Amino acid sequence: MGYGEDKGIIPLTCYELFTRIKDLQQPNLSYGVEVSYIEIYNEKVHDLLNPKNKGNLKVREHPSLGPYVEDLSRLVVSCFEDIEHLMDEGNKVKLISCQKPRIHMTKSSKFHHRQELSLQLT
């Protein structure tokens, strides 16, 4: 993700999204942005924005929308700082941050993290 001067593609994209929303605001147009953040480890899916949900979330397939994670938290955000705060909180509960360094990493020890943004204009 990157921080400070070395912001990664996700924070830069989120910042640009809210900059454009602000620049393009019109009286008859409203927007809504939602964010989710997951970690996948050993084929188990964890909701990083709802650490109380300790169970393995299920990946499902919607006939027209495609794959999605069942019962995944989707939180409404209104500015880039909201997203930054949520990602910081999610990063604190990542399983990878709780793991002690290992000398030998195996294929099953790979972590994957995914952030999703949803923009709706009305």
PDB file of N, CA and C in Angstrom:
ATOM      1  N   MET A   1       0.825  -1.186   0.000  1.00  0.00           N
ATOM      2  CA  MET A   1       0.000   0.000   0.000  1.00  0.00           C
ATOM      3  C   MET A   1       0.871   1.253   0.000  1.00  0.00           C
ATOM      4  N   GLY A   2       1.918   1.269   0.754  1.00  0.00           N
ATOM      5  CA  GLY A   2       2.798   2.429   0.786  1.00  0.00           C
ATOM      6  C   GLY A   2       2.259   3.553   1.649  1.00  0.00           C
ATOM      7  N   TYR A   3       3.172   4.305   2.234  1.00  0.00           N
ATOM      8  CA  TYR A   3       2.796   5.414   3.099  1.00  0.00           C
ATOM      9  C   TYR A   3       3.703   6.606   2.839  1.00  0.00           C
ATOM     10  N   GLY A   4       3.298   7.757   3.338  1.00  0.00           N
ATOM     11  CA  GLY A   4       4.116   8.955   3.215  1.00  0.00           C
ATOM     12  C   GLY A   4       4.398   9.298   1.765  1.00  0.00           C
ATOM     13  N   GLU A   5       5.664   9.525   1.473  1.00  0.00           N
ATOM     14  CA  GLU A   5       6.078   9.877   0.111  1.00  0.00           C
ATOM     15  C   GLU A   5       5.927   8.706  -0.868  1.00  0.00           C
ATOM     16  N   ASP A   6       5.937   7.483  -0.337  1.00  0.00           N
ATOM     17  CA  ASP A   6       5.897   6.284  -1.171  1.00  0.00           C
ATOM     18  C   ASP A   6       4.513   5.653  -1.212  1.00  0.00           C
ATOM     19  N   LYS A   7       3.476   6.456  -1.386  1.00  0.00           N
ATOM     20  CA  LYS A   7       2.125   5.906  -1.455  1.00  0.00           C
ATOM     21  C   LYS A   7       2.014   4.991  -2.664  1.00  0.00           C
ATOM     22  N   GLY A   8       1.322   3.874  -2.478  1.00  0.00           N
ATOM     23  CA  GLY A   8       1.146   2.901  -3.540  1.00  0.00           C
ATOM     24  C   GLY A   8      -0.043   3.241  -4.427  1.00  0.00           C
ATOM     25  N   ILE A   9      -0.346   2.344  -5.333  1.00  0.00           N
ATOM     26  CA  ILE A   9      -1.396   2.560  -6.328  1.00  0.00           C
ATOM     27  C   ILE A   9      -2.781   2.668  -5.681  1.00  0.00           C
ATOM     28  N   ILE A  10      -3.035   1.906  -4.624  1.00  0.00           N
ATOM     29  CA  ILE A  10      -4.357   1.944  -3.986  1.00  0.00           C
ATOM     30  C   ILE A  10      -4.606   3.296  -3.316  1.00  0.00           C
ATOM     31  N   PRO A  11      -3.712   3.774  -2.439  1.00  0.00           N
ATOM     32  CA  PRO A  11      -3.964   5.091  -1.855  1.00  0.00           C
ATOM     33  C   PRO A  11      -4.024   6.209  -2.892  1.00  0.00           C
ATOM     34  N   LEU A  12      -3.166   6.150  -3.901  1.00  0.00           N
ATOM     35  CA  LEU A  12      -3.187   7.188  -4.940  1.00  0.00           C
ATOM     36  C   LEU A  12      -4.507   7.181  -5.715  1.00  0.00           C
ATOM     37  N   THR A  13      -5.011   5.987  -6.018  1.00  0.00           N
ATOM     38  CA  THR A  13      -6.284   5.873  -6.730  1.00  0.00           C
ATOM     39  C   THR A  13      -7.434   6.385  -5.869  1.00  0.00           C
ATOM     40  N   CYS A  14      -7.434   6.034  -4.603  1.00  0.00           N
ATOM     41  CA  CYS A  14      -8.489   6.496  -3.687  1.00  0.00           C
ATOM     42  C   CYS A  14      -8.462   8.015  -3.553  1.00  0.00           C
ATOM     43  N   TYR A  15      -7.285   8.582  -3.418  1.00  0.00           N
ATOM     44  CA  TYR A  15      -7.145  10.039  -3.315  1.00  0.00           C
ATOM     45  C   TYR A  15      -7.689  10.707  -4.581  1.00  0.00           C
ATOM     46  N   GLU A  16      -7.316  10.167  -5.730  1.00  0.00           N
ATOM     47  CA  GLU A  16      -7.759  10.734  -7.013  1.00  0.00           C
ATOM     48  C   GLU A  16      -9.273  10.608  -7.172  1.00  0.00           C
ATOM     49  N   LEU A  17      -9.847   9.510  -6.721  1.00  0.00           N
ATOM     50  CA  LEU A  17     -11.298   9.309  -6.803  1.00  0.00           C
ATOM     51  C   LEU A  17     -12.023  10.442  -6.078  1.00  0.00           C
ATOM     52  N   PHE A  18     -11.628  10.746  -4.854  1.00  0.00           N
ATOM     53  CA  PHE A  18     -12.311  11.793  -4.092  1.00  0.00           C
ATOM     54  C   PHE A  18     -11.994  13.187  -4.622  1.00  0.00           C
ATOM     55  N   THR A  19     -10.821  13.380  -5.189  1.00  0.00           N
ATOM     56  CA  THR A  19     -10.501  14.660  -5.823  1.00  0.00           C
ATOM     57  C   THR A  19     -11.434  14.902  -7.003  1.00  0.00           C
ATOM     58  N   ARG A  20     -11.642  13.873  -7.815  1.00  0.00           N
ATOM     59  CA  ARG A  20     -12.531  14.016  -8.978  1.00  0.00           C
ATOM     60  C   ARG A  20     -13.982  14.177  -8.572  1.00  0.00           C
ATOM     61  N   ILE A  21     -14.409  13.461  -7.543  1.00  0.00           N
ATOM     62  CA  ILE A  21     -15.782  13.619  -7.054  1.00  0.00           C
ATOM     63  C   ILE A  21     -16.006  15.069  -6.626  1.00  0.00           C
ATOM     64  N   LYS A  22     -15.046  15.617  -5.894  1.00  0.00           N
ATOM     65  CA  LYS A  22     -15.159  17.004  -5.425  1.00  0.00           C
ATOM     66  C   LYS A  22     -15.205  17.974  -6.604  1.00  0.00           C
ATOM     67  N   ASP A  23     -14.340  17.760  -7.594  1.00  0.00           N
ATOM     68  CA  ASP A  23     -14.264  18.653  -8.751  1.00  0.00           C
ATOM     69  C   ASP A  23     -15.506  18.566  -9.650  1.00  0.00           C
ATOM     70  N   LEU A  24     -16.162  17.416  -9.667  1.00  0.00           N
ATOM     71  CA  LEU A  24     -17.284  17.203 -10.582  1.00  0.00           C
ATOM     72  C   LEU A  24     -18.652  17.293  -9.910  1.00  0.00           C
ATOM     73  N   GLN A  25     -18.710  17.769  -8.671  1.00  0.00           N
ATOM     74  CA  GLN A  25     -19.986  17.821  -7.965  1.00  0.00           C
ATOM     75  C   GLN A  25     -20.975  18.716  -8.695  1.00  0.00           C
ATOM     76  N   GLN A  26     -22.204  18.213  -8.760  1.00  0.00           N
ATOM     77  CA  GLN A  26     -23.317  18.937  -9.375  1.00  0.00           C
ATOM     78  C   GLN A  26     -24.503  18.853  -8.429  1.00  0.00           C
ATOM     79  N   PRO A  27     -25.402  19.855  -8.456  1.00  0.00           N
ATOM     80  CA  PRO A  27     -26.521  19.855  -7.519  1.00  0.00           C
ATOM     81  C   PRO A  27     -27.464  18.652  -7.672  1.00  0.00           C
ATOM     82  N   ASN A  28     -27.604  18.129  -8.875  1.00  0.00           N
ATOM     83  CA  ASN A  28     -28.531  17.016  -9.108  1.00  0.00           C
ATOM     84  C   ASN A  28     -27.840  15.653  -9.130  1.00  0.00           C
ATOM     85  N   LEU A  29     -26.596  15.599  -8.665  1.00  0.00           N
ATOM     86  CA  LEU A  29     -25.823  14.351  -8.684  1.00  0.00           C
ATOM     87  C   LEU A  29     -25.300  14.055  -7.287  1.00  0.00           C
ATOM     88  N   SER A  30     -25.536  12.835  -6.817  1.00  0.00           N
ATOM     89  CA  SER A  30     -24.980  12.428  -5.533  1.00  0.00           C
ATOM     90  C   SER A  30     -24.157  11.163  -5.729  1.00  0.00           C
ATOM     91  N   TYR A  31     -23.310  10.882  -4.792  1.00  0.00           N
ATOM     92  CA  TYR A  31     -22.435   9.722  -4.895  1.00  0.00           C
ATOM     93  C   TYR A  31     -22.383   8.984  -3.573  1.00  0.00           C
ATOM     94  N   GLY A  32     -22.015   7.736  -3.635  1.00  0.00           N
ATOM     95  CA  GLY A  32     -21.776   6.916  -2.456  1.00  0.00           C
ATOM     96  C   GLY A  32     -20.567   6.042  -2.718  1.00  0.00           C
ATOM     97  N   VAL A  33     -19.678   5.959  -1.757  1.00  0.00           N
ATOM     98  CA  VAL A  33     -18.477   5.130  -1.888  1.00  0.00           C
ATOM     99  C   VAL A  33     -18.435   4.185  -0.699  1.00  0.00           C
ATOM    100  N   GLU A  34     -18.214   2.912  -0.984  1.00  0.00           N
ATOM    101  CA  GLU A  34     -18.075   1.889   0.051  1.00  0.00           C
ATOM    102  C   GLU A  34     -16.733   1.195  -0.121  1.00  0.00           C
ATOM    103  N   VAL A  35     -16.182   0.727   0.986  1.00  0.00           N
ATOM    104  CA  VAL A  35     -14.892   0.056   0.940  1.00  0.00           C
ATOM    105  C   VAL A  35     -14.969  -1.249   1.735  1.00  0.00           C
ATOM    106  N   SER A  36     -14.254  -2.251   1.253  1.00  0.00           N
ATOM    107  CA  SER A  36     -14.079  -3.511   1.976  1.00  0.00           C
ATOM    108  C   SER A  36     -12.607  -3.887   1.886  1.00  0.00           C
ATOM    109  N   TYR A  37     -12.178  -4.773   2.794  1.00  0.00           N
ATOM    110  CA  TYR A  37     -10.758  -5.125   2.865  1.00  0.00           C
ATOM    111  C   TYR A  37     -10.660  -6.545   3.418  1.00  0.00           C
ATOM    112  N   ILE A  38     -10.067  -7.455   2.640  1.00  0.00           N
ATOM    113  CA  ILE A  38      -9.973  -8.852   3.063  1.00  0.00           C
ATOM    114  C   ILE A  38      -8.532  -9.341   3.039  1.00  0.00           C
ATOM    115  N   GLU A  39      -8.319 -10.409   3.792  1.00  0.00           N
ATOM    116  CA  GLU A  39      -7.049 -11.126   3.786  1.00  0.00           C
ATOM    117  C   GLU A  39      -7.361 -12.585   3.488  1.00  0.00           C
ATOM    118  N   ILE A  40      -6.570 -13.185   2.623  1.00  0.00           N
ATOM    119  CA  ILE A  40      -6.718 -14.601   2.299  1.00  0.00           C
ATOM    120  C   ILE A  40      -5.425 -15.299   2.699  1.00  0.00           C
ATOM    121  N   TYR A  41      -5.576 -16.323   3.532  1.00  0.00           N
ATOM    122  CA  TYR A  41      -4.422 -17.095   3.985  1.00  0.00           C
ATOM    123  C   TYR A  41      -4.853 -18.542   4.115  1.00  0.00           C
ATOM    124  N   ASN A  42      -4.087 -19.450   3.512  1.00  0.00           N
ATOM    125  CA  ASN A  42      -4.410 -20.883   3.534  1.00  0.00           C
ATOM    126  C   ASN A  42      -5.864 -21.132   3.130  1.00  0.00           C
ATOM    127  N   GLU A  43      -6.291 -20.445   2.091  1.00  0.00           N
ATOM    128  CA  GLU A  43      -7.635 -20.582   1.529  1.00  0.00           C
ATOM    129  C   GLU A  43      -8.741 -20.148   2.484  1.00  0.00           C
ATOM    130  N   LYS A  44      -8.408 -19.380   3.513  1.00  0.00           N
ATOM    131  CA  LYS A  44      -9.402 -18.829   4.430  1.00  0.00           C
ATOM    132  C   LYS A  44      -9.481 -17.329   4.212  1.00  0.00           C
ATOM    133  N   VAL A  45     -10.704 -16.813   4.163  1.00  0.00           N
ATOM    134  CA  VAL A  45     -10.948 -15.403   3.892  1.00  0.00           C
ATOM    135  C   VAL A  45     -11.343 -14.712   5.195  1.00  0.00           C
ATOM    136  N   HIS A  46     -10.639 -13.625   5.531  1.00  0.00           N
ATOM    137  CA  HIS A  46     -10.890 -12.876   6.760  1.00  0.00           C
ATOM    138  C   HIS A  46     -11.257 -11.435   6.422  1.00  0.00           C
ATOM    139  N   ASP A  47     -12.267 -10.913   7.096  1.00  0.00           N
ATOM    140  CA  ASP A  47     -12.717  -9.533   6.932  1.00  0.00           C
ATOM    141  C   ASP A  47     -11.858  -8.647   7.830  1.00  0.00           C
ATOM    142  N   LEU A  48     -11.007  -7.808   7.242  1.00  0.00           N
ATOM    143  CA  LEU A  48     -10.110  -6.964   8.022  1.00  0.00           C
ATOM    144  C   LEU A  48     -10.801  -5.733   8.600  1.00  0.00           C
ATOM    145  N   LEU A  49     -12.006  -5.415   8.118  1.00  0.00           N
ATOM    146  CA  LEU A  49     -12.733  -4.263   8.650  1.00  0.00           C
ATOM    147  C   LEU A  49     -13.736  -4.664   9.726  1.00  0.00           C
ATOM    148  N   ASN A  50     -13.866  -5.967   9.966  1.00  0.00           N
ATOM    149  CA  ASN A  50     -14.728  -6.474  11.033  1.00  0.00           C
ATOM    150  C   ASN A  50     -14.011  -7.640  11.714  1.00  0.00           C
ATOM    151  N   PRO A  51     -13.023  -7.348  12.546  1.00  0.00           N
ATOM    152  CA  PRO A  51     -12.232  -8.423  13.169  1.00  0.00           C
ATOM    153  C   PRO A  51     -13.045  -9.333  14.080  1.00  0.00           C
ATOM    154  N   LYS A  52     -14.247  -8.899  14.499  1.00  0.00           N
ATOM    155  CA  LYS A  52     -15.093  -9.752  15.338  1.00  0.00           C
ATOM    156  C   LYS A  52     -15.602 -10.950  14.544  1.00  0.00           C
ATOM    157  N   ASN A  53     -15.642 -10.814  13.225  1.00  0.00           N
ATOM    158  CA  ASN A  53     -16.063 -11.915  12.359  1.00  0.00           C
ATOM    159  C   ASN A  53     -14.850 -12.811  12.137  1.00  0.00           C
ATOM    160  N   LYS A  54     -14.624 -13.746  13.041  1.00  0.00           N
ATOM    161  CA  LYS A  54     -13.421 -14.580  12.998  1.00  0.00           C
ATOM    162  C   LYS A  54     -13.582 -15.817  12.123  1.00  0.00           C
ATOM    163  N   GLY A  55     -14.776 -16.047  11.631  1.00  0.00           N
ATOM    164  CA  GLY A  55     -15.003 -17.230  10.815  1.00  0.00           C
ATOM    165  C   GLY A  55     -14.415 -17.086   9.427  1.00  0.00           C
ATOM    166  N   ASN A  56     -14.354 -18.174   8.707  1.00  0.00           N
ATOM    167  CA  ASN A  56     -13.888 -18.174   7.331  1.00  0.00           C
ATOM    168  C   ASN A  56     -15.054 -17.760   6.442  1.00  0.00           C
ATOM    169  N   LEU A  57     -14.937 -16.609   5.805  1.00  0.00           N
ATOM    170  CA  LEU A  57     -15.986 -16.131   4.918  1.00  0.00           C
ATOM    171  C   LEU A  57     -15.998 -16.959   3.636  1.00  0.00           C
ATOM    172  N   LYS A  58     -17.150 -17.119   3.056  1.00  0.00           N
ATOM    173  CA  LYS A  58     -17.309 -17.932   1.852  1.00  0.00           C
ATOM    174  C   LYS A  58     -17.314 -17.062   0.597  1.00  0.00           C
ATOM    175  N   VAL A  59     -16.611 -17.515  -0.421  1.00  0.00           N
ATOM    176  CA  VAL A  59     -16.638 -16.856  -1.720  1.00  0.00           C
ATOM    177  C   VAL A  59     -17.752 -17.496  -2.532  1.00  0.00           C
ATOM    178  N   ARG A  60     -18.624 -16.671  -3.061  1.00  0.00           N
ATOM    179  CA  ARG A  60     -19.780 -17.133  -3.842  1.00  0.00           C
ATOM    180  C   ARG A  60     -19.717 -16.529  -5.239  1.00  0.00           C
ATOM    181  N   GLU A  61     -20.584 -17.019  -6.113  1.00  0.00           N
ATOM    182  CA  GLU A  61     -20.652 -16.530  -7.486  1.00  0.00           C
ATOM    183  C   GLU A  61     -22.059 -16.009  -7.754  1.00  0.00           C
ATOM    184  N   HIS A  62     -22.159 -14.728  -8.081  1.00  0.00           N
ATOM    185  CA  HIS A  62     -23.441 -14.131  -8.467  1.00  0.00           C
ATOM    186  C   HIS A  62     -23.589 -14.318  -9.978  1.00  0.00           C
ATOM    187  N   PRO A  63     -24.780 -14.681 -10.460  1.00  0.00           N
ATOM    188  CA  PRO A  63     -24.945 -14.975 -11.886  1.00  0.00           C
ATOM    189  C   PRO A  63     -24.567 -13.831 -12.822  1.00  0.00           C
ATOM    190  N   SER A  64     -24.809 -12.583 -12.421  1.00  0.00           N
ATOM    191  CA  SER A  64     -24.486 -11.479 -13.322  1.00  0.00           C
ATOM    192  C   SER A  64     -23.339 -10.598 -12.824  1.00  0.00           C
ATOM    193  N   LEU A  65     -23.115 -10.551 -11.521  1.00  0.00           N
ATOM    194  CA  LEU A  65     -22.071  -9.680 -10.975  1.00  0.00           C
ATOM    195  C   LEU A  65     -20.736 -10.387 -10.769  1.00  0.00           C
ATOM    196  N   GLY A  66     -20.732 -11.716 -10.794  1.00  0.00           N
ATOM    197  CA  GLY A  66     -19.487 -12.466 -10.630  1.00  0.00           C
ATOM    198  C   GLY A  66     -19.202 -12.819  -9.187  1.00  0.00           C
ATOM    199  N   PRO A  67     -17.940 -13.123  -8.871  1.00  0.00           N
ATOM    200  CA  PRO A  67     -17.599 -13.578  -7.516  1.00  0.00           C
ATOM    201  C   PRO A  67     -17.731 -12.464  -6.478  1.00  0.00           C
ATOM    202  N   TYR A  68     -18.102 -12.865  -5.266  1.00  0.00           N
ATOM    203  CA  TYR A  68     -18.185 -11.946  -4.137  1.00  0.00           C
ATOM    204  C   TYR A  68     -17.958 -12.734  -2.857  1.00  0.00           C
ATOM    205  N   VAL A  69     -17.681 -12.014  -1.768  1.00  0.00           N
ATOM    206  CA  VAL A  69     -17.467 -12.639  -0.470  1.00  0.00           C
ATOM    207  C   VAL A  69     -18.730 -12.435   0.365  1.00  0.00           C
ATOM    208  N   GLU A  70     -19.324 -13.548   0.761  1.00  0.00           N
ATOM    209  CA  GLU A  70     -20.557 -13.513   1.538  1.00  0.00           C
ATOM    210  C   GLU A  70     -20.301 -12.931   2.932  1.00  0.00           C
ATOM    211  N   ASP A  71     -21.189 -12.053   3.385  1.00  0.00           N
ATOM    212  CA  ASP A  71     -21.130 -11.425   4.717  1.00  0.00           C
ATOM    213  C   ASP A  71     -19.921 -10.512   4.921  1.00  0.00           C
ATOM    214  N   LEU A  72     -19.334 -10.034   3.860  1.00  0.00           N
ATOM    215  CA  LEU A  72     -18.194  -9.128   3.955  1.00  0.00           C
ATOM    216  C   LEU A  72     -18.668  -7.720   4.326  1.00  0.00           C
ATOM    217  N   SER A  73     -17.973  -7.079   5.253  1.00  0.00           N
ATOM    218  CA  SER A  73     -18.298  -5.705   5.638  1.00  0.00           C
ATOM    219  C   SER A  73     -18.005  -4.763   4.479  1.00  0.00           C
ATOM    220  N   ARG A  74     -18.949  -3.859   4.221  1.00  0.00           N
ATOM    221  CA  ARG A  74     -18.769  -2.804   3.231  1.00  0.00           C
ATOM    222  C   ARG A  74     -19.121  -1.507   3.943  1.00  0.00           C
ATOM    223  N   LEU A  75     -18.097  -0.705   4.249  1.00  0.00           N
ATOM    224  CA  LEU A  75     -18.297   0.502   5.035  1.00  0.00           C
ATOM    225  C   LEU A  75     -18.345   1.736   4.144  1.00  0.00           C
ATOM    226  N   VAL A  76     -19.279   2.617   4.447  1.00  0.00           N
ATOM    227  CA  VAL A  76     -19.446   3.854   3.689  1.00  0.00           C
ATOM    228  C   VAL A  76     -18.347   4.830   4.095  1.00  0.00           C
ATOM    229  N   VAL A  77     -17.729   5.453   3.099  1.00  0.00           N
ATOM    230  CA  VAL A  77     -16.699   6.463   3.340  1.00  0.00           C
ATOM    231  C   VAL A  77     -17.065   7.731   2.576  1.00  0.00           C
ATOM    232  N   SER A  78     -16.636   8.881   3.107  1.00  0.00           N
ATOM    233  CA  SER A  78     -16.984  10.139   2.454  1.00  0.00           C
ATOM    234  C   SER A  78     -15.770  10.954   2.019  1.00  0.00           C
ATOM    235  N   CYS A  79     -14.570  10.469   2.353  1.00  0.00           N
ATOM    236  CA  CYS A  79     -13.357  11.174   1.949  1.00  0.00           C
ATOM    237  C   CYS A  79     -12.177  10.200   1.975  1.00  0.00           C
ATOM    238  N   PHE A  80     -11.074  10.644   1.408  1.00  0.00           N
ATOM    239  CA  PHE A  80      -9.873   9.819   1.358  1.00  0.00           C
ATOM    240  C   PHE A  80      -9.371   9.478   2.759  1.00  0.00           C
ATOM    241  N   GLU A  81      -9.480  10.416   3.686  1.00  0.00           N
ATOM    242  CA  GLU A  81      -8.998  10.188   5.049  1.00  0.00           C
ATOM    243  C   GLU A  81      -9.761   9.049   5.718  1.00  0.00           C
ATOM    244  N   ASP A  82     -11.061   8.892   5.398  1.00  0.00           N
ATOM    245  CA  ASP A  82     -11.837   7.761   5.928  1.00  0.00           C
ATOM    246  C   ASP A  82     -11.237   6.436   5.470  1.00  0.00           C
ATOM    247  N   ILE A  83     -10.902   6.359   4.192  1.00  0.00           N
ATOM    248  CA  ILE A  83     -10.311   5.138   3.641  1.00  0.00           C
ATOM    249  C   ILE A  83      -8.951   4.880   4.289  1.00  0.00           C
ATOM    250  N   GLU A  84      -8.160   5.915   4.399  1.00  0.00           N
ATOM    251  CA  GLU A  84      -6.827   5.780   5.000  1.00  0.00           C
ATOM    252  C   GLU A  84      -6.937   5.236   6.430  1.00  0.00           C
ATOM    253  N   HIS A  85      -7.890   5.772   7.192  1.00  0.00           N
ATOM    254  CA  HIS A  85      -8.098   5.318   8.571  1.00  0.00           C
ATOM    255  C   HIS A  85      -8.519   3.843   8.598  1.00  0.00           C
ATOM    256  N   LEU A  86      -9.472   3.457   7.737  1.00  0.00           N
ATOM    257  CA  LEU A  86      -9.939   2.067   7.709  1.00  0.00           C
ATOM    258  C   LEU A  86      -8.834   1.106   7.295  1.00  0.00           C
ATOM    259  N   MET A  87      -8.016   1.496   6.332  1.00  0.00           N
ATOM    260  CA  MET A  87      -6.921   0.629   5.903  1.00  0.00           C
ATOM    261  C   MET A  87      -5.889   0.481   7.025  1.00  0.00           C
ATOM    262  N   ASP A  88      -5.624   1.566   7.766  1.00  0.00           N
ATOM    263  CA  ASP A  88      -4.709   1.477   8.911  1.00  0.00           C
ATOM    264  C   ASP A  88      -5.254   0.518   9.961  1.00  0.00           C
ATOM    265  N   GLU A  89      -6.556   0.627  10.251  1.00  0.00           N
ATOM    266  CA  GLU A  89      -7.181  -0.273  11.234  1.00  0.00           C
ATOM    267  C   GLU A  89      -7.150  -1.720  10.729  1.00  0.00           C
ATOM    268  N   GLY A  90      -7.441  -1.931   9.450  1.00  0.00           N
ATOM    269  CA  GLY A  90      -7.390  -3.272   8.871  1.00  0.00           C
ATOM    270  C   GLY A  90      -5.997  -3.860   8.906  1.00  0.00           C
ATOM    271  N   ASN A  91      -4.999  -3.035   8.654  1.00  0.00           N
ATOM    272  CA  ASN A  91      -3.610  -3.500   8.687  1.00  0.00           C
ATOM    273  C   ASN A  91      -3.195  -3.957  10.081  1.00  0.00           C
ATOM    274  N   LYS A  92      -3.810  -3.404  11.109  1.00  0.00           N
ATOM    275  CA  LYS A  92      -3.475  -3.792  12.485  1.00  0.00           C
ATOM    276  C   LYS A  92      -3.946  -5.203  12.821  1.00  0.00           C
ATOM    277  N   VAL A  93      -4.971  -5.685  12.124  1.00  0.00           N
ATOM    278  CA  VAL A  93      -5.516  -7.008  12.449  1.00  0.00           C
ATOM    279  C   VAL A  93      -5.131  -8.083  11.439  1.00  0.00           C
ATOM    280  N   LYS A  94      -4.282  -7.742  10.497  1.00  0.00           N
ATOM    281  CA  LYS A  94      -3.828  -8.752   9.535  1.00  0.00           C
ATOM    282  C   LYS A  94      -3.157  -9.901  10.263  1.00  0.00           C
ATOM    283  N   LEU A  95      -3.429 -11.108   9.814  1.00  0.00           N
ATOM    284  CA  LEU A  95      -2.761 -12.281  10.398  1.00  0.00           C
ATOM    285  C   LEU A  95      -1.265 -12.219  10.189  1.00  0.00           C
ATOM    286  N   ILE A  96      -0.850 -11.702   9.043  1.00  0.00           N
ATOM    287  CA  ILE A  96       0.580 -11.683   8.723  1.00  0.00           C
ATOM    288  C   ILE A  96       1.351 -10.848   9.736  1.00  0.00           C
ATOM    289  N   SER A  97       0.739  -9.816  10.285  1.00  0.00           N
ATOM    290  CA  SER A  97       1.450  -8.999  11.257  1.00  0.00           C
ATOM    291  C   SER A  97       1.611  -9.720  12.587  1.00  0.00           C
ATOM    292  N   CYS A  98       0.821 -10.773  12.799  1.00  0.00           N
ATOM    293  CA  CYS A  98       0.905 -11.543  14.047  1.00  0.00           C
ATOM    294  C   CYS A  98       1.878 -12.714  13.931  1.00  0.00           C
ATOM    295  N   GLN A  99       2.320 -13.024  12.740  1.00  0.00           N
ATOM    296  CA  GLN A  99       3.186 -14.184  12.539  1.00  0.00           C
ATOM    297  C   GLN A  99       4.632 -13.837  12.864  1.00  0.00           C
ATOM    298  N   LYS A 100       5.316 -14.744  13.505  1.00  0.00           N
ATOM    299  CA  LYS A 100       6.748 -14.575  13.736  1.00  0.00           C
ATOM    300  C   LYS A 100       7.468 -14.851  12.417  1.00  0.00           C
ATOM    301  N   PRO A 101       8.580 -14.188  12.173  1.00  0.00           N
ATOM    302  CA  PRO A 101       9.320 -14.448  10.946  1.00  0.00           C
ATOM    303  C   PRO A 101       9.702 -15.928  10.851  1.00  0.00           C
ATOM    304  N   ARG A 102       9.581 -16.459   9.662  1.00  0.00           N
ATOM    305  CA  ARG A 102       9.909 -17.875   9.440  1.00  0.00           C
ATOM    306  C   ARG A 102      11.137 -17.976   8.551  1.00  0.00           C
ATOM    307  N   ILE A 103      11.936 -18.959   8.839  1.00  0.00           N
ATOM    308  CA  ILE A 103      13.126 -19.172   8.020  1.00  0.00           C
ATOM    309  C   ILE A 103      12.730 -19.792   6.686  1.00  0.00           C
ATOM    310  N   HIS A 104      11.822 -20.769   6.707  1.00  0.00           N
ATOM    311  CA  HIS A 104      11.417 -21.449   5.488  1.00  0.00           C
ATOM    312  C   HIS A 104       9.939 -21.172   5.232  1.00  0.00           C
ATOM    313  N   MET A 105       9.657 -20.450   4.171  1.00  0.00           N
ATOM    314  CA  MET A 105       8.266 -20.172   3.801  1.00  0.00           C
ATOM    315  C   MET A 105       7.843 -21.217   2.774  1.00  0.00           C
ATOM    316  N   THR A 106       6.642 -21.735   2.931  1.00  0.00           N
ATOM    317  CA  THR A 106       6.126 -22.716   1.987  1.00  0.00           C
ATOM    318  C   THR A 106       5.072 -22.072   1.117  1.00  0.00           C
ATOM    319  N   LYS A 107       4.634 -22.788   0.086  1.00  0.00           N
ATOM    320  CA  LYS A 107       3.600 -22.253  -0.803  1.00  0.00           C
ATOM    321  C   LYS A 107       2.341 -21.884  -0.035  1.00  0.00           C
ATOM    322  N   SER A 108       1.979 -22.673   0.964  1.00  0.00           N
ATOM    323  CA  SER A 108       0.755 -22.419   1.711  1.00  0.00           C
ATOM    324  C   SER A 108       0.885 -21.233   2.661  1.00  0.00           C
ATOM    325  N   SER A 109       2.068 -20.647   2.774  1.00  0.00           N
ATOM    326  CA  SER A 109       2.276 -19.532   3.695  1.00  0.00           C
ATOM    327  C   SER A 109       2.136 -18.176   3.014  1.00  0.00           C
ATOM    328  N   LYS A 110       1.553 -18.129   1.849  1.00  0.00           N
ATOM    329  CA  LYS A 110       1.404 -16.865   1.142  1.00  0.00           C
ATOM    330  C   LYS A 110       0.112 -16.170   1.563  1.00  0.00           C
ATOM    331  N   PHE A 111       0.233 -14.880   1.830  1.00  0.00           N
ATOM    332  CA  PHE A 111      -0.906 -14.054   2.185  1.00  0.00           C
ATOM    333  C   PHE A 111      -1.311 -13.221   0.971  1.00  0.00           C
ATOM    334  N   HIS A 112      -2.591 -12.973   0.856  1.00  0.00           N
ATOM    335  CA  HIS A 112      -3.105 -12.084  -0.185  1.00  0.00           C
ATOM    336  C   HIS A 112      -4.063 -11.119   0.487  1.00  0.00           C
ATOM    337  N   HIS A 113      -3.999  -9.857   0.087  1.00  0.00           N
ATOM    338  CA  HIS A 113      -4.881  -8.840   0.634  1.00  0.00           C
ATOM    339  C   HIS A 113      -5.583  -8.152  -0.529  1.00  0.00           C
ATOM    340  N   ARG A 114      -6.855  -7.845  -0.320  1.00  0.00           N
ATOM    341  CA  ARG A 114      -7.635  -7.230  -1.390  1.00  0.00           C
ATOM    342  C   ARG A 114      -8.504  -6.128  -0.798  1.00  0.00           C
ATOM    343  N   GLN A 115      -8.423  -4.970  -1.404  1.00  0.00           N
ATOM    344  CA  GLN A 115      -9.286  -3.859  -1.033  1.00  0.00           C
ATOM    345  C   GLN A 115     -10.237  -3.632  -2.197  1.00  0.00           C
ATOM    346  N   GLU A 116     -11.494  -3.395  -1.893  1.00  0.00           N
ATOM    347  CA  GLU A 116     -12.475  -3.146  -2.942  1.00  0.00           C
ATOM    348  C   GLU A 116     -13.195  -1.833  -2.658  1.00  0.00           C
ATOM    349  N   LEU A 117     -13.332  -1.026  -3.705  1.00  0.00           N
ATOM    350  CA  LEU A 117     -14.103   0.213  -3.631  1.00  0.00           C
ATOM    351  C   LEU A 117     -15.323   0.079  -4.520  1.00  0.00           C
ATOM    352  N   SER A 118     -16.420   0.605  -4.060  1.00  0.00           N
ATOM    353  CA  SER A 118     -17.647   0.610  -4.841  1.00  0.00           C
ATOM    354  C   SER A 118     -18.130   2.053  -4.939  1.00  0.00           C
ATOM    355  N   LEU A 119     -18.309   2.552  -6.137  1.00  0.00           N
ATOM    356  CA  LEU A 119     -18.785   3.920  -6.368  1.00  0.00           C
ATOM    357  C   LEU A 119     -20.156   3.855  -7.013  1.00  0.00           C
ATOM    358  N   GLN A 120     -21.108   4.582  -6.429  1.00  0.00           N
ATOM    359  CA  GLN A 120     -22.454   4.620  -6.990  1.00  0.00           C
ATOM    360  C   GLN A 120     -22.846   6.075  -7.181  1.00  0.00           C
ATOM    361  N   LEU A 121     -23.229   6.409  -8.394  1.00  0.00           N
ATOM    362  CA  LEU A 121     -23.693   7.763  -8.717  1.00  0.00           C
ATOM    363  C   LEU A 121     -25.207   7.736  -8.921  1.00  0.00           C
ATOM    364  N   THR A 122     -25.898   8.702  -8.337  1.00  0.00           N
ATOM    365  CA  THR A 122     -27.343   8.808  -8.520  1.00  0.00           C
ATOM    366  C   THR A 122     -27.741  10.230  -8.838  1.00  0.00           C
TER     367      THR A 122
END
